[in-house]
């Protein structure tokens, strides 16, 4: 199984760059643009 990783950052660019690089490193990358969005997603599906 791929390791799930979440990037929580208000900047679309930061998330996009991080996602591209980390996906290439073999992670399954999720994104959240706010703390509130992140906690909801973590409650549903906790990343490593």
ModelCIF file with pLDDT and N, C-alpha, C, O atoms, coordinates in Angstrom:
data_MODEL
#
_entry.id   MODEL 
#
_entity.id                         1 
_entity.type                       polymer 
_entity.pdbx_number_of_molecules   1 
#
_entity_poly.entity_id                      1 
_entity_poly.type                           'polypeptide(L)' 
_entity_poly.nstd_linkage                   no 
_entity_poly.nstd_monomer                   no 
_entity_poly.pdbx_seq_one_letter_code       
;(UNK)(UNK)(UNK)(UNK)(UNK)(UNK)(UNK)(UNK)(UNK)(UNK)(UNK)(UNK)(UNK)(UNK)(UNK)(UNK)
(UNK)(UNK)(UNK)(UNK)(UNK)(UNK)(UNK)(UNK)(UNK)(UNK)(UNK)(UNK)(UNK)(UNK)(UNK)(UNK)
(UNK)(UNK)(UNK)(UNK)(UNK)(UNK)(UNK)(UNK)(UNK)(UNK)(UNK)(UNK)(UNK)(UNK)(UNK)(UNK)
;
_entity_poly.pdbx_seq_one_letter_code_can   XXXXXXXXXXXXXXXXXXXXXXXXXXXXXXXXXXXXXXXXXXXXXXXX 
_entity_poly.pdbx_strand_id                 A 
#
loop_
_entity_poly_seq.entity_id 
_entity_poly_seq.num 
_entity_poly_seq.mon_id 
_entity_poly_seq.hetero 
1 1  UNK n 
1 2  UNK n 
1 3  UNK n 
1 4  UNK n 
1 5  UNK n 
1 6  UNK n 
1 7  UNK n 
1 8  UNK n 
1 9  UNK n 
1 10 UNK n 
1 11 UNK n 
1 12 UNK n 
1 13 UNK n 
1 14 UNK n 
1 15 UNK n 
1 16 UNK n 
1 17 UNK n 
1 18 UNK n 
1 19 UNK n 
1 20 UNK n 
1 21 UNK n 
1 22 UNK n 
1 23 UNK n 
1 24 UNK n 
1 25 UNK n 
1 26 UNK n 
1 27 UNK n 
1 28 UNK n 
1 29 UNK n 
1 30 UNK n 
1 31 UNK n 
1 32 UNK n 
1 33 UNK n 
1 34 UNK n 
1 35 UNK n 
1 36 UNK n 
1 37 UNK n 
1 38 UNK n 
1 39 UNK n 
1 40 UNK n 
1 41 UNK n 
1 42 UNK n 
1 43 UNK n 
1 44 UNK n 
1 45 UNK n 
1 46 UNK n 
1 47 UNK n 
1 48 UNK n 
#
_struct_asym.id          A 
_struct_asym.entity_id   1 
#
loop_
_ma_qa_metric.id 
_ma_qa_metric.mode 
_ma_qa_metric.name 
_ma_qa_metric.software_group_id 
_ma_qa_metric.type 
1 global pLDDT . pLDDT 
2 local  pLDDT . pLDDT 
#
_ma_qa_metric_global.metric_id      1 
_ma_qa_metric_global.metric_value   95.15 
_ma_qa_metric_global.model_id       1 
_ma_qa_metric_global.ordinal_id     1 
#
loop_
_ma_qa_metric_local.label_asym_id 
_ma_qa_metric_local.label_comp_id 
_ma_qa_metric_local.label_seq_id 
_ma_qa_metric_local.metric_id 
_ma_qa_metric_local.metric_value 
_ma_qa_metric_local.model_id 
_ma_qa_metric_local.ordinal_id 
A UNK 1  2 66.00 1 1  
A UNK 2  2 81.00 1 2  
A UNK 3  2 92.00 1 3  
A UNK 4  2 95.00 1 4  
A UNK 5  2 97.00 1 5  
A UNK 6  2 98.00 1 6  
A UNK 7  2 98.00 1 7  
A UNK 8  2 98.00 1 8  
A UNK 9  2 97.00 1 9  
A UNK 10 2 96.00 1 10 
A UNK 11 2 95.00 1 11 
A UNK 12 2 96.00 1 12 
A UNK 13 2 94.00 1 13 
A UNK 14 2 94.00 1 14 
A UNK 15 2 96.00 1 15 
A UNK 16 2 96.00 1 16 
A UNK 17 2 95.00 1 17 
A UNK 18 2 96.00 1 18 
A UNK 19 2 97.00 1 19 
A UNK 20 2 97.00 1 20 
A UNK 21 2 96.00 1 21 
A UNK 22 2 96.00 1 22 
A UNK 23 2 96.00 1 23 
A UNK 24 2 94.00 1 24 
A UNK 25 2 93.00 1 25 
A UNK 26 2 93.00 1 26 
A UNK 27 2 95.00 1 27 
A UNK 28 2 96.00 1 28 
A UNK 29 2 97.00 1 29 
A UNK 30 2 97.00 1 30 
A UNK 31 2 97.00 1 31 
A UNK 32 2 98.00 1 32 
A UNK 33 2 98.00 1 33 
A UNK 34 2 98.00 1 34 
A UNK 35 2 97.00 1 35 
A UNK 36 2 97.00 1 36 
A UNK 37 2 97.00 1 37 
A UNK 38 2 98.00 1 38 
A UNK 39 2 97.00 1 39 
A UNK 40 2 97.00 1 40 
A UNK 41 2 96.00 1 41 
A UNK 42 2 97.00 1 42 
A UNK 43 2 96.00 1 43 
A UNK 44 2 95.00 1 44 
A UNK 45 2 93.00 1 45 
A UNK 46 2 96.00 1 46 
A UNK 47 2 97.00 1 47 
A UNK 48 2 96.00 1 48 
#
loop_
_atom_site.group_PDB 
_atom_site.id 
_atom_site.type_symbol 
_atom_site.label_atom_id 
_atom_site.label_alt_id 
_atom_site.label_comp_id 
_atom_site.label_asym_id 
_atom_site.label_entity_id 
_atom_site.label_seq_id 
_atom_site.pdbx_PDB_ins_code 
_atom_site.Cartn_x 
_atom_site.Cartn_y 
_atom_site.Cartn_z 
_atom_site.occupancy 
_atom_site.B_iso_or_equiv 
_atom_site.pdbx_formal_charge 
_atom_site.auth_seq_id 
_atom_site.auth_comp_id 
_atom_site.auth_asym_id 
_atom_site.auth_atom_id 
_atom_site.pdbx_PDB_model_num 
ATOM 1   N N  . UNK A 1 1  ? 0.840   -1.195 0.000  1.00 66.00 ? 1  UNK A N  1 
ATOM 2   C CA . UNK A 1 1  ? 0.000   0.000  0.000  1.00 66.00 ? 1  UNK A CA 1 
ATOM 3   C C  . UNK A 1 1  ? 0.877   1.249  0.000  1.00 66.00 ? 1  UNK A C  1 
ATOM 4   O O  . UNK A 1 1  ? 1.934   1.279  0.630  1.00 66.00 ? 1  UNK A O  1 
ATOM 5   N N  . UNK A 1 2  ? 0.425   2.277  -0.715 1.00 81.00 ? 2  UNK A N  1 
ATOM 6   C CA . UNK A 1 2  ? 1.181   3.525  -0.726 1.00 81.00 ? 2  UNK A CA 1 
ATOM 7   C C  . UNK A 1 2  ? 0.958   4.258  0.583  1.00 81.00 ? 2  UNK A C  1 
ATOM 8   O O  . UNK A 1 2  ? -0.136  4.226  1.147  1.00 81.00 ? 2  UNK A O  1 
ATOM 9   N N  . UNK A 1 3  ? 1.994   4.915  1.060  1.00 92.00 ? 3  UNK A N  1 
ATOM 10  C CA . UNK A 1 3  ? 1.860   5.704  2.276  1.00 92.00 ? 3  UNK A CA 1 
ATOM 11  C C  . UNK A 1 3  ? 1.094   6.976  1.965  1.00 92.00 ? 3  UNK A C  1 
ATOM 12  O O  . UNK A 1 3  ? 1.394   7.679  1.000  1.00 92.00 ? 3  UNK A O  1 
ATOM 13  N N  . UNK A 1 4  ? 0.100   7.259  2.797  1.00 95.00 ? 4  UNK A N  1 
ATOM 14  C CA . UNK A 1 4  ? -0.691  8.468  2.590  1.00 95.00 ? 4  UNK A CA 1 
ATOM 15  C C  . UNK A 1 4  ? -0.078  9.642  3.335  1.00 95.00 ? 4  UNK A C  1 
ATOM 16  O O  . UNK A 1 4  ? 0.297   9.541  4.503  1.00 95.00 ? 4  UNK A O  1 
ATOM 17  N N  . UNK A 1 5  ? 0.009   10.738 2.636  1.00 97.00 ? 5  UNK A N  1 
ATOM 18  C CA . UNK A 1 5  ? 0.605   11.940 3.186  1.00 97.00 ? 5  UNK A CA 1 
ATOM 19  C C  . UNK A 1 5  ? -0.321  13.102 2.875  1.00 97.00 ? 5  UNK A C  1 
ATOM 20  O O  . UNK A 1 5  ? -0.857  13.188 1.770  1.00 97.00 ? 5  UNK A O  1 
ATOM 21  N N  . UNK A 1 6  ? -0.518  13.998 3.838  1.00 98.00 ? 6  UNK A N  1 
ATOM 22  C CA . UNK A 1 6  ? -1.361  15.164 3.576  1.00 98.00 ? 6  UNK A CA 1 
ATOM 23  C C  . UNK A 1 6  ? -0.562  16.445 3.730  1.00 98.00 ? 6  UNK A C  1 
ATOM 24  O O  . UNK A 1 6  ? 0.152   16.642 4.714  1.00 98.00 ? 6  UNK A O  1 
ATOM 25  N N  . UNK A 1 7  ? -0.698  17.316 2.730  1.00 98.00 ? 7  UNK A N  1 
ATOM 26  C CA . UNK A 1 7  ? -0.080  18.640 2.799  1.00 98.00 ? 7  UNK A CA 1 
ATOM 27  C C  . UNK A 1 7  ? -1.183  19.632 3.145  1.00 98.00 ? 7  UNK A C  1 
ATOM 28  O O  . UNK A 1 7  ? -2.181  19.750 2.433  1.00 98.00 ? 7  UNK A O  1 
ATOM 29  N N  . UNK A 1 8  ? -0.986  20.342 4.251  1.00 98.00 ? 8  UNK A N  1 
ATOM 30  C CA . UNK A 1 8  ? -1.972  21.340 4.663  1.00 98.00 ? 8  UNK A CA 1 
ATOM 31  C C  . UNK A 1 8  ? -1.315  22.705 4.544  1.00 98.00 ? 8  UNK A C  1 
ATOM 32  O O  . UNK A 1 8  ? -0.448  23.062 5.341  1.00 98.00 ? 8  UNK A O  1 
ATOM 33  N N  . UNK A 1 9  ? -1.737  23.462 3.539  1.00 97.00 ? 9  UNK A N  1 
ATOM 34  C CA . UNK A 1 9  ? -1.127  24.752 3.278  1.00 97.00 ? 9  UNK A CA 1 
ATOM 35  C C  . UNK A 1 9  ? -2.130  25.623 2.539  1.00 97.00 ? 9  UNK A C  1 
ATOM 36  O O  . UNK A 1 9  ? -2.850  25.144 1.663  1.00 97.00 ? 9  UNK A O  1 
ATOM 37  N N  . UNK A 1 10 ? -2.178  26.891 2.890  1.00 96.00 ? 10 UNK A N  1 
ATOM 38  C CA . UNK A 1 10 ? -3.123  27.806 2.254  1.00 96.00 ? 10 UNK A CA 1 
ATOM 39  C C  . UNK A 1 10 ? -2.759  28.143 0.816  1.00 96.00 ? 10 UNK A C  1 
ATOM 40  O O  . UNK A 1 10 ? -3.594  28.638 0.059  1.00 96.00 ? 10 UNK A O  1 
ATOM 41  N N  . UNK A 1 11 ? -1.510  27.874 0.436  1.00 95.00 ? 11 UNK A N  1 
ATOM 42  C CA . UNK A 1 11 ? -1.057  28.219 -0.908 1.00 95.00 ? 11 UNK A CA 1 
ATOM 43  C C  . UNK A 1 11 ? -1.229  27.072 -1.895 1.00 95.00 ? 11 UNK A C  1 
ATOM 44  O O  . UNK A 1 11 ? -0.712  25.974 -1.685 1.00 95.00 ? 11 UNK A O  1 
ATOM 45  N N  . UNK A 1 12 ? -1.961  27.339 -2.976 1.00 96.00 ? 12 UNK A N  1 
ATOM 46  C CA . UNK A 1 12 ? -2.172  26.327 -4.023 1.00 96.00 ? 12 UNK A CA 1 
ATOM 47  C C  . UNK A 1 12 ? -0.838  25.889 -4.617 1.00 96.00 ? 12 UNK A C  1 
ATOM 48  O O  . UNK A 1 12 ? -0.621  24.707 -4.884 1.00 96.00 ? 12 UNK A O  1 
ATOM 49  N N  . UNK A 1 13 ? 0.056   26.865 -4.822 1.00 94.00 ? 13 UNK A N  1 
ATOM 50  C CA . UNK A 1 13 ? 1.361   26.589 -5.438 1.00 94.00 ? 13 UNK A CA 1 
ATOM 51  C C  . UNK A 1 13 ? 2.167   25.642 -4.560 1.00 94.00 ? 13 UNK A C  1 
ATOM 52  O O  . UNK A 1 13 ? 2.730   24.660 -5.043 1.00 94.00 ? 13 UNK A O  1 
ATOM 53  N N  . UNK A 1 14 ? 2.219   25.945 -3.262 1.00 94.00 ? 14 UNK A N  1 
ATOM 54  C CA . UNK A 1 14 ? 2.986   25.099 -2.335 1.00 94.00 ? 14 UNK A CA 1 
ATOM 55  C C  . UNK A 1 14 ? 2.444   23.674 -2.362 1.00 94.00 ? 14 UNK A C  1 
ATOM 56  O O  . UNK A 1 14 ? 3.207   22.710 -2.427 1.00 94.00 ? 14 UNK A O  1 
ATOM 57  N N  . UNK A 1 15 ? 1.117   23.554 -2.311 1.00 96.00 ? 15 UNK A N  1 
ATOM 58  C CA . UNK A 1 15 ? 0.519   22.213 -2.333 1.00 96.00 ? 15 UNK A CA 1 
ATOM 59  C C  . UNK A 1 15 ? 0.815   21.501 -3.649 1.00 96.00 ? 15 UNK A C  1 
ATOM 60  O O  . UNK A 1 15 ? 1.122   20.310 -3.661 1.00 96.00 ? 15 UNK A O  1 
ATOM 61  N N  . UNK A 1 16 ? 0.721   22.235 -4.751 1.00 96.00 ? 16 UNK A N  1 
ATOM 62  C CA . UNK A 1 16 ? 0.933   21.646 -6.073 1.00 96.00 ? 16 UNK A CA 1 
ATOM 63  C C  . UNK A 1 16 ? 2.373   21.140 -6.221 1.00 96.00 ? 16 UNK A C  1 
ATOM 64  O O  . UNK A 1 16 ? 2.598   20.020 -6.680 1.00 96.00 ? 16 UNK A O  1 
ATOM 65  N N  . UNK A 1 17 ? 3.343   21.970 -5.829 1.00 95.00 ? 17 UNK A N  1 
ATOM 66  C CA . UNK A 1 17 ? 4.749   21.595 -5.926 1.00 95.00 ? 17 UNK A CA 1 
ATOM 67  C C  . UNK A 1 17 ? 5.033   20.403 -5.019 1.00 95.00 ? 17 UNK A C  1 
ATOM 68  O O  . UNK A 1 17 ? 5.653   19.424 -5.436 1.00 95.00 ? 17 UNK A O  1 
ATOM 69  N N  . UNK A 1 18 ? 4.570   20.499 -3.766 1.00 96.00 ? 18 UNK A N  1 
ATOM 70  C CA . UNK A 1 18 ? 4.780   19.412 -2.819 1.00 96.00 ? 18 UNK A CA 1 
ATOM 71  C C  . UNK A 1 18 ? 4.166   18.118 -3.316 1.00 96.00 ? 18 UNK A C  1 
ATOM 72  O O  . UNK A 1 18 ? 4.775   17.053 -3.226 1.00 96.00 ? 18 UNK A O  1 
ATOM 73  N N  . UNK A 1 19 ? 2.957   18.220 -3.841 1.00 97.00 ? 19 UNK A N  1 
ATOM 74  C CA . UNK A 1 19 ? 2.260   17.021 -4.307 1.00 97.00 ? 19 UNK A CA 1 
ATOM 75  C C  . UNK A 1 19 ? 3.008   16.364 -5.455 1.00 97.00 ? 19 UNK A C  1 
ATOM 76  O O  . UNK A 1 19 ? 3.145   15.142 -5.500 1.00 97.00 ? 19 UNK A O  1 
ATOM 77  N N  . UNK A 1 20 ? 3.490   17.182 -6.383 1.00 97.00 ? 20 UNK A N  1 
ATOM 78  C CA . UNK A 1 20 ? 4.192   16.631 -7.543 1.00 97.00 ? 20 UNK A CA 1 
ATOM 79  C C  . UNK A 1 20 ? 5.451   15.873 -7.095 1.00 97.00 ? 20 UNK A C  1 
ATOM 80  O O  . UNK A 1 20 ? 5.672   14.732 -7.503 1.00 97.00 ? 20 UNK A O  1 
ATOM 81  N N  . UNK A 1 21 ? 6.262   16.508 -6.265 1.00 96.00 ? 21 UNK A N  1 
ATOM 82  C CA . UNK A 1 21 ? 7.519   15.895 -5.826 1.00 96.00 ? 21 UNK A CA 1 
ATOM 83  C C  . UNK A 1 21 ? 7.262   14.651 -4.978 1.00 96.00 ? 21 UNK A C  1 
ATOM 84  O O  . UNK A 1 21 ? 7.885   13.610 -5.186 1.00 96.00 ? 21 UNK A O  1 
ATOM 85  N N  . UNK A 1 22 ? 6.331   14.767 -4.011 1.00 96.00 ? 22 UNK A N  1 
ATOM 86  C CA . UNK A 1 22 ? 6.079   13.644 -3.101 1.00 96.00 ? 22 UNK A CA 1 
ATOM 87  C C  . UNK A 1 22 ? 5.407   12.473 -3.812 1.00 96.00 ? 22 UNK A C  1 
ATOM 88  O O  . UNK A 1 22 ? 5.633   11.317 -3.455 1.00 96.00 ? 22 UNK A O  1 
ATOM 89  N N  . UNK A 1 23 ? 4.588   12.765 -4.808 1.00 96.00 ? 23 UNK A N  1 
ATOM 90  C CA . UNK A 1 23 ? 3.973   11.690 -5.597 1.00 96.00 ? 23 UNK A CA 1 
ATOM 91  C C  . UNK A 1 23 ? 5.061   10.917 -6.333 1.00 96.00 ? 23 UNK A C  1 
ATOM 92  O O  . UNK A 1 23 ? 5.012   9.690  -6.420 1.00 96.00 ? 23 UNK A O  1 
ATOM 93  N N  . UNK A 1 24 ? 6.049   11.650 -6.866 1.00 94.00 ? 24 UNK A N  1 
ATOM 94  C CA . UNK A 1 24 ? 7.163   11.006 -7.554 1.00 94.00 ? 24 UNK A CA 1 
ATOM 95  C C  . UNK A 1 24 ? 7.986   10.150 -6.587 1.00 94.00 ? 24 UNK A C  1 
ATOM 96  O O  . UNK A 1 24 ? 8.592   9.157  -6.990 1.00 94.00 ? 24 UNK A O  1 
ATOM 97  N N  . UNK A 1 25 ? 8.003   10.541 -5.311 1.00 93.00 ? 25 UNK A N  1 
ATOM 98  C CA . UNK A 1 25 ? 8.738   9.763  -4.309 1.00 93.00 ? 25 UNK A CA 1 
ATOM 99  C C  . UNK A 1 25 ? 7.942   8.528  -3.868 1.00 93.00 ? 25 UNK A C  1 
ATOM 100 O O  . UNK A 1 25 ? 8.447   7.698  -3.111 1.00 93.00 ? 25 UNK A O  1 
ATOM 101 N N  . UNK A 1 26 ? 6.713   8.414  -4.338 1.00 93.00 ? 26 UNK A N  1 
ATOM 102 C CA . UNK A 1 26 ? 5.941   7.211  -4.059 1.00 93.00 ? 26 UNK A CA 1 
ATOM 103 C C  . UNK A 1 26 ? 4.835   7.355  -3.032 1.00 93.00 ? 26 UNK A C  1 
ATOM 104 O O  . UNK A 1 26 ? 4.278   6.359  -2.572 1.00 93.00 ? 26 UNK A O  1 
ATOM 105 N N  . UNK A 1 27 ? 4.514   8.592  -2.668 1.00 95.00 ? 27 UNK A N  1 
ATOM 106 C CA . UNK A 1 27 ? 3.426   8.805  -1.708 1.00 95.00 ? 27 UNK A CA 1 
ATOM 107 C C  . UNK A 1 27 ? 2.100   9.000  -2.415 1.00 95.00 ? 27 UNK A C  1 
ATOM 108 O O  . UNK A 1 27 ? 2.040   9.434  -3.566 1.00 95.00 ? 27 UNK A O  1 
ATOM 109 N N  . UNK A 1 28 ? 1.042   8.668  -1.696 1.00 96.00 ? 28 UNK A N  1 
ATOM 110 C CA . UNK A 1 28 ? -0.297  9.018  -2.128 1.00 96.00 ? 28 UNK A CA 1 
ATOM 111 C C  . UNK A 1 28 ? -0.591  10.332 -1.414 1.00 96.00 ? 28 UNK A C  1 
ATOM 112 O O  . UNK A 1 28 ? -0.786  10.345 -0.199 1.00 96.00 ? 28 UNK A O  1 
ATOM 113 N N  . UNK A 1 29 ? -0.625  11.432 -2.151 1.00 97.00 ? 29 UNK A N  1 
ATOM 114 C CA . UNK A 1 29 ? -0.698  12.751 -1.529 1.00 97.00 ? 29 UNK A CA 1 
ATOM 115 C C  . UNK A 1 29 ? -2.110  13.326 -1.537 1.00 97.00 ? 29 UNK A C  1 
ATOM 116 O O  . UNK A 1 29 ? -2.768  13.405 -2.574 1.00 97.00 ? 29 UNK A O  1 
ATOM 117 N N  . UNK A 1 30 ? -2.554  13.726 -0.344 1.00 97.00 ? 30 UNK A N  1 
ATOM 118 C CA . UNK A 1 30 ? -3.829  14.417 -0.201 1.00 97.00 ? 30 UNK A CA 1 
ATOM 119 C C  . UNK A 1 30 ? -3.520  15.868 0.128  1.00 97.00 ? 30 UNK A C  1 
ATOM 120 O O  . UNK A 1 30 ? -2.438  16.185 0.623  1.00 97.00 ? 30 UNK A O  1 
ATOM 121 N N  . UNK A 1 31 ? -4.483  16.753 -0.151 1.00 97.00 ? 31 UNK A N  1 
ATOM 122 C CA . UNK A 1 31 ? -4.259  18.161 0.123  1.00 97.00 ? 31 UNK A CA 1 
ATOM 123 C C  . UNK A 1 31 ? -5.405  18.736 0.942  1.00 97.00 ? 31 UNK A C  1 
ATOM 124 O O  . UNK A 1 31 ? -6.543  18.273 0.868  1.00 97.00 ? 31 UNK A O  1 
ATOM 125 N N  . UNK A 1 32 ? -5.076  19.749 1.718  1.00 98.00 ? 32 UNK A N  1 
ATOM 126 C CA . UNK A 1 32 ? -6.108  20.535 2.397  1.00 98.00 ? 32 UNK A CA 1 
ATOM 127 C C  . UNK A 1 32 ? -5.611  21.973 2.412  1.00 98.00 ? 32 UNK A C  1 
ATOM 128 O O  . UNK A 1 32 ? -4.425  22.227 2.619  1.00 98.00 ? 32 UNK A O  1 
ATOM 129 N N  . UNK A 1 33 ? -6.528  22.914 2.191  1.00 98.00 ? 33 UNK A N  1 
ATOM 130 C CA . UNK A 1 33 ? -6.117  24.312 2.113  1.00 98.00 ? 33 UNK A CA 1 
ATOM 131 C C  . UNK A 1 33 ? -6.376  25.066 3.407  1.00 98.00 ? 33 UNK A C  1 
ATOM 132 O O  . UNK A 1 33 ? -6.044  26.245 3.525  1.00 98.00 ? 33 UNK A O  1 
ATOM 133 N N  . UNK A 1 34 ? -6.975  24.375 4.386  1.00 98.00 ? 34 UNK A N  1 
ATOM 134 C CA . UNK A 1 34 ? -7.204  25.027 5.680  1.00 98.00 ? 34 UNK A CA 1 
ATOM 135 C C  . UNK A 1 34 ? -7.147  23.972 6.782  1.00 98.00 ? 34 UNK A C  1 
ATOM 136 O O  . UNK A 1 34 ? -7.273  22.775 6.525  1.00 98.00 ? 34 UNK A O  1 
ATOM 137 N N  . UNK A 1 35 ? -6.956  24.442 8.010  1.00 97.00 ? 35 UNK A N  1 
ATOM 138 C CA . UNK A 1 35 ? -6.899  23.531 9.149  1.00 97.00 ? 35 UNK A CA 1 
ATOM 139 C C  . UNK A 1 35 ? -8.230  22.799 9.303  1.00 97.00 ? 35 UNK A C  1 
ATOM 140 O O  . UNK A 1 35 ? -8.259  21.612 9.627  1.00 97.00 ? 35 UNK A O  1 
ATOM 141 N N  . UNK A 1 36 ? -9.324  23.508 9.069  1.00 97.00 ? 36 UNK A N  1 
ATOM 142 C CA . UNK A 1 36 ? -10.642 22.897 9.234  1.00 97.00 ? 36 UNK A CA 1 
ATOM 143 C C  . UNK A 1 36 ? -10.846 21.776 8.218  1.00 97.00 ? 36 UNK A C  1 
ATOM 144 O O  . UNK A 1 36 ? -11.318 20.694 8.565  1.00 97.00 ? 36 UNK A O  1 
ATOM 145 N N  . UNK A 1 37 ? -10.490 22.041 6.972  1.00 97.00 ? 37 UNK A N  1 
ATOM 146 C CA . UNK A 1 37 ? -10.613 21.022 5.930  1.00 97.00 ? 37 UNK A CA 1 
ATOM 147 C C  . UNK A 1 37 ? -9.735  19.815 6.275  1.00 97.00 ? 37 UNK A C  1 
ATOM 148 O O  . UNK A 1 37 ? -10.128 18.666 6.072  1.00 97.00 ? 37 UNK A O  1 
ATOM 149 N N  . UNK A 1 38 ? -8.538  20.100 6.800  1.00 98.00 ? 38 UNK A N  1 
ATOM 150 C CA . UNK A 1 38 ? -7.599  19.028 7.116  1.00 98.00 ? 38 UNK A CA 1 
ATOM 151 C C  . UNK A 1 38 ? -8.125  18.112 8.206  1.00 98.00 ? 38 UNK A C  1 
ATOM 152 O O  . UNK A 1 38 ? -8.001  16.893 8.097  1.00 98.00 ? 38 UNK A O  1 
ATOM 153 N N  . UNK A 1 39 ? -8.714  18.678 9.259  1.00 97.00 ? 39 UNK A N  1 
ATOM 154 C CA . UNK A 1 39 ? -9.169  17.832 10.365 1.00 97.00 ? 39 UNK A CA 1 
ATOM 155 C C  . UNK A 1 39 ? -10.348 16.962 9.915  1.00 97.00 ? 39 UNK A C  1 
ATOM 156 O O  . UNK A 1 39 ? -10.464 15.807 10.325 1.00 97.00 ? 39 UNK A O  1 
ATOM 157 N N  . UNK A 1 40 ? -11.217 17.521 9.073  1.00 97.00 ? 40 UNK A N  1 
ATOM 158 C CA . UNK A 1 40 ? -12.343 16.739 8.546  1.00 97.00 ? 40 UNK A CA 1 
ATOM 159 C C  . UNK A 1 40 ? -11.815 15.556 7.734  1.00 97.00 ? 40 UNK A C  1 
ATOM 160 O O  . UNK A 1 40 ? -12.307 14.434 7.855  1.00 97.00 ? 40 UNK A O  1 
ATOM 161 N N  . UNK A 1 41 ? -10.797 15.829 6.898  1.00 96.00 ? 41 UNK A N  1 
ATOM 162 C CA . UNK A 1 41 ? -10.237 14.751 6.069  1.00 96.00 ? 41 UNK A CA 1 
ATOM 163 C C  . UNK A 1 41 ? -9.488  13.730 6.919  1.00 96.00 ? 41 UNK A C  1 
ATOM 164 O O  . UNK A 1 41 ? -9.524  12.534 6.629  1.00 96.00 ? 41 UNK A O  1 
ATOM 165 N N  . UNK A 1 42 ? -8.809  14.196 7.966  1.00 97.00 ? 42 UNK A N  1 
ATOM 166 C CA . UNK A 1 42 ? -8.078  13.274 8.843  1.00 97.00 ? 42 UNK A CA 1 
ATOM 167 C C  . UNK A 1 42 ? -9.051  12.383 9.612  1.00 97.00 ? 42 UNK A C  1 
ATOM 168 O O  . UNK A 1 42 ? -8.778  11.203 9.836  1.00 97.00 ? 42 UNK A O  1 
ATOM 169 N N  . UNK A 1 43 ? -10.181 12.951 10.012 1.00 96.00 ? 43 UNK A N  1 
ATOM 170 C CA . UNK A 1 43 ? -11.185 12.154 10.725 1.00 96.00 ? 43 UNK A CA 1 
ATOM 171 C C  . UNK A 1 43 ? -11.707 11.044 9.828  1.00 96.00 ? 43 UNK A C  1 
ATOM 172 O O  . UNK A 1 43 ? -11.993 9.940  10.292 1.00 96.00 ? 43 UNK A O  1 
ATOM 173 N N  . UNK A 1 44 ? -11.832 11.346 8.528  1.00 95.00 ? 44 UNK A N  1 
ATOM 174 C CA . UNK A 1 44 ? -12.354 10.367 7.579  1.00 95.00 ? 44 UNK A CA 1 
ATOM 175 C C  . UNK A 1 44 ? -11.289 9.346  7.194  1.00 95.00 ? 44 UNK A C  1 
ATOM 176 O O  . UNK A 1 44 ? -11.586 8.167  7.004  1.00 95.00 ? 44 UNK A O  1 
ATOM 177 N N  . UNK A 1 45 ? -10.054 9.807  7.080  1.00 93.00 ? 45 UNK A N  1 
ATOM 178 C CA . UNK A 1 45 ? -8.994  8.970  6.520  1.00 93.00 ? 45 UNK A CA 1 
ATOM 179 C C  . UNK A 1 45 ? -7.647  9.499  6.998  1.00 93.00 ? 45 UNK A C  1 
ATOM 180 O O  . UNK A 1 45 ? -7.083  10.407 6.388  1.00 93.00 ? 45 UNK A O  1 
ATOM 181 N N  . UNK A 1 46 ? -7.137  8.939  8.077  1.00 96.00 ? 46 UNK A N  1 
ATOM 182 C CA . UNK A 1 46 ? -5.926  9.453  8.700  1.00 96.00 ? 46 UNK A CA 1 
ATOM 183 C C  . UNK A 1 46 ? -4.690  9.150  7.849  1.00 96.00 ? 46 UNK A C  1 
ATOM 184 O O  . UNK A 1 46 ? -4.436  7.991  7.522  1.00 96.00 ? 46 UNK A O  1 
ATOM 185 N N  . UNK A 1 47 ? -3.916  10.185 7.486  1.00 97.00 ? 47 UNK A N  1 
ATOM 186 C CA . UNK A 1 47 ? -2.690  9.918  6.730  1.00 97.00 ? 47 UNK A CA 1 
ATOM 187 C C  . UNK A 1 47 ? -1.578  9.428  7.663  1.00 97.00 ? 47 UNK A C  1 
ATOM 188 O O  . UNK A 1 47 ? -1.684  9.574  8.881  1.00 97.00 ? 47 UNK A O  1 
ATOM 189 N N  . UNK A 1 48 ? -0.524  8.855  7.105  1.00 96.00 ? 48 UNK A N  1 
ATOM 190 C CA . UNK A 1 48 ? 0.631   8.424  7.903  1.00 96.00 ? 48 UNK A CA 1 
ATOM 191 C C  . UNK A 1 48 ? 1.496   9.637  8.239  1.00 96.00 ? 48 UNK A C  1 
ATOM 192 O O  . UNK A 1 48 ? 2.521   9.499  8.906  1.00 96.00 ? 48 UNK A O  1 
#
